[in-house]
């Protein structure tokens, strides 16, 4: 969430974080849903901009 490039957060949202057993949401969320989630998370952590 703190990276200037949102691509790693998008990958974690889709695939889940590598060292944990949290599932990804690739099969559940469409592109707009992923953009909405990542934009919300970045906004909550005070990163400006959307994806």
N, C-alpha and C. Protein backbone atom coordinates (compact mmCIF):
# COMPACT_ATOMS: atom_id res chain seq x y z
N UNK A 1 0.81 -1.19 0.00
CA UNK A 1 0.00 0.00 0.00
C UNK A 1 0.85 1.25 0.00
N UNK A 2 2.07 1.15 0.43
CA UNK A 2 2.92 2.33 0.52
C UNK A 2 3.78 2.55 -0.71
N UNK A 3 3.73 1.64 -1.67
CA UNK A 3 4.51 1.78 -2.89
C UNK A 3 3.85 2.81 -3.81
N UNK A 4 4.65 3.62 -4.51
CA UNK A 4 4.05 4.58 -5.44
C UNK A 4 3.34 3.90 -6.62
N UNK A 5 3.82 2.73 -7.03
CA UNK A 5 3.22 1.98 -8.12
C UNK A 5 2.20 0.99 -7.54
N UNK A 6 0.94 1.07 -7.95
CA UNK A 6 -0.09 0.21 -7.35
C UNK A 6 -0.06 -1.25 -7.84
N UNK A 7 0.84 -1.60 -8.77
CA UNK A 7 0.78 -2.94 -9.37
C UNK A 7 1.01 -4.07 -8.35
N UNK A 8 1.86 -3.87 -7.36
CA UNK A 8 2.06 -4.95 -6.39
C UNK A 8 0.81 -5.15 -5.52
N UNK A 9 0.12 -4.07 -5.18
CA UNK A 9 -1.12 -4.19 -4.42
C UNK A 9 -2.20 -4.87 -5.26
N UNK A 10 -2.23 -4.58 -6.53
CA UNK A 10 -3.18 -5.25 -7.43
C UNK A 10 -2.88 -6.74 -7.47
N UNK A 11 -1.61 -7.11 -7.59
CA UNK A 11 -1.24 -8.54 -7.60
C UNK A 11 -1.61 -9.24 -6.31
N UNK A 12 -1.40 -8.59 -5.18
CA UNK A 12 -1.76 -9.20 -3.89
C UNK A 12 -3.26 -9.36 -3.80
N UNK A 13 -4.01 -8.38 -4.30
CA UNK A 13 -5.47 -8.47 -4.28
C UNK A 13 -5.94 -9.64 -5.14
N UNK A 14 -5.33 -9.82 -6.29
CA UNK A 14 -5.75 -10.88 -7.20
C UNK A 14 -5.26 -12.26 -6.78
N UNK A 15 -4.02 -12.36 -6.34
CA UNK A 15 -3.40 -13.66 -6.08
C UNK A 15 -3.29 -14.03 -4.61
N UNK A 16 -3.41 -13.04 -3.71
CA UNK A 16 -3.16 -13.27 -2.30
C UNK A 16 -1.68 -13.06 -2.02
N UNK A 17 -1.32 -12.72 -0.79
CA UNK A 17 0.09 -12.50 -0.47
C UNK A 17 0.85 -13.82 -0.41
N UNK A 18 2.05 -13.88 -0.99
CA UNK A 18 2.80 -15.14 -1.09
C UNK A 18 3.07 -15.88 0.22
N UNK A 19 3.51 -15.22 1.28
CA UNK A 19 3.87 -16.03 2.45
C UNK A 19 2.68 -16.43 3.32
N UNK A 20 1.48 -15.97 2.99
CA UNK A 20 0.32 -16.24 3.84
C UNK A 20 -0.68 -17.12 3.11
N UNK A 21 -1.61 -17.64 3.85
CA UNK A 21 -2.61 -18.52 3.24
C UNK A 21 -3.90 -17.76 2.88
N UNK A 22 -3.83 -16.45 2.84
CA UNK A 22 -4.99 -15.66 2.44
C UNK A 22 -5.26 -15.89 0.96
N UNK A 23 -6.50 -16.20 0.59
CA UNK A 23 -6.79 -16.42 -0.84
C UNK A 23 -6.81 -15.11 -1.62
N UNK A 24 -6.55 -15.22 -2.89
CA UNK A 24 -6.71 -14.07 -3.78
C UNK A 24 -8.16 -13.95 -4.20
N UNK A 25 -8.47 -12.87 -4.86
CA UNK A 25 -9.85 -12.62 -5.27
C UNK A 25 -10.00 -12.59 -6.78
N UNK A 26 -9.07 -13.22 -7.49
CA UNK A 26 -9.07 -13.22 -8.96
C UNK A 26 -10.39 -13.75 -9.53
N UNK A 27 -10.94 -14.78 -8.92
CA UNK A 27 -12.16 -15.40 -9.45
C UNK A 27 -13.44 -14.73 -8.96
N UNK A 28 -13.31 -13.79 -8.02
CA UNK A 28 -14.49 -13.18 -7.41
C UNK A 28 -14.70 -11.75 -7.89
N UNK A 29 -13.63 -11.00 -8.08
CA UNK A 29 -13.74 -9.58 -8.42
C UNK A 29 -13.50 -9.33 -9.91
N UNK A 30 -14.27 -8.42 -10.48
CA UNK A 30 -13.99 -8.01 -11.85
C UNK A 30 -12.99 -6.85 -11.81
N UNK A 31 -12.59 -6.36 -12.98
CA UNK A 31 -11.57 -5.31 -13.04
C UNK A 31 -11.97 -4.05 -12.27
N UNK A 32 -13.24 -3.64 -12.39
CA UNK A 32 -13.69 -2.44 -11.69
C UNK A 32 -13.68 -2.65 -10.18
N UNK A 33 -14.07 -3.85 -9.72
CA UNK A 33 -14.03 -4.16 -8.29
C UNK A 33 -12.61 -4.06 -7.75
N UNK A 34 -11.65 -4.63 -8.48
CA UNK A 34 -10.24 -4.57 -8.06
C UNK A 34 -9.78 -3.12 -8.00
N UNK A 35 -10.11 -2.34 -9.02
CA UNK A 35 -9.72 -0.92 -9.03
C UNK A 35 -10.33 -0.19 -7.85
N UNK A 36 -11.58 -0.48 -7.54
CA UNK A 36 -12.24 0.17 -6.40
C UNK A 36 -11.58 -0.19 -5.07
N UNK A 37 -11.28 -1.47 -4.88
CA UNK A 37 -10.63 -1.92 -3.64
C UNK A 37 -9.25 -1.29 -3.48
N UNK A 38 -8.44 -1.34 -4.54
CA UNK A 38 -7.08 -0.82 -4.48
C UNK A 38 -7.10 0.70 -4.28
N UNK A 39 -8.02 1.39 -4.96
CA UNK A 39 -8.14 2.84 -4.77
C UNK A 39 -8.53 3.16 -3.34
N UNK A 40 -9.47 2.40 -2.79
CA UNK A 40 -9.86 2.62 -1.39
C UNK A 40 -8.68 2.40 -0.44
N UNK A 41 -7.96 1.30 -0.61
CA UNK A 41 -6.83 1.00 0.27
C UNK A 41 -5.75 2.08 0.17
N UNK A 42 -5.44 2.51 -1.04
CA UNK A 42 -4.42 3.54 -1.22
C UNK A 42 -4.88 4.86 -0.61
N UNK A 43 -6.17 5.17 -0.73
CA UNK A 43 -6.71 6.40 -0.14
C UNK A 43 -6.66 6.32 1.39
N UNK A 44 -6.99 5.16 1.92
CA UNK A 44 -6.99 4.98 3.38
C UNK A 44 -5.58 5.13 3.95
N UNK A 45 -4.56 4.80 3.14
CA UNK A 45 -3.17 4.93 3.58
C UNK A 45 -2.55 6.23 3.06
N UNK A 46 -3.41 7.15 2.62
CA UNK A 46 -3.01 8.50 2.21
C UNK A 46 -2.14 8.54 0.96
N UNK A 47 -2.30 7.55 0.10
CA UNK A 47 -1.65 7.61 -1.21
C UNK A 47 -2.64 8.22 -2.18
N UNK A 48 -2.23 9.25 -2.87
CA UNK A 48 -3.13 9.95 -3.78
C UNK A 48 -3.16 9.22 -5.12
N UNK A 49 -4.30 9.20 -5.74
CA UNK A 49 -4.42 8.62 -7.07
C UNK A 49 -5.23 7.35 -7.06
N UNK A 50 -5.68 7.01 -8.23
CA UNK A 50 -6.45 5.79 -8.39
C UNK A 50 -5.75 4.90 -9.40
N UNK A 51 -6.33 3.72 -9.61
CA UNK A 51 -5.75 2.79 -10.58
C UNK A 51 -6.70 2.62 -11.74
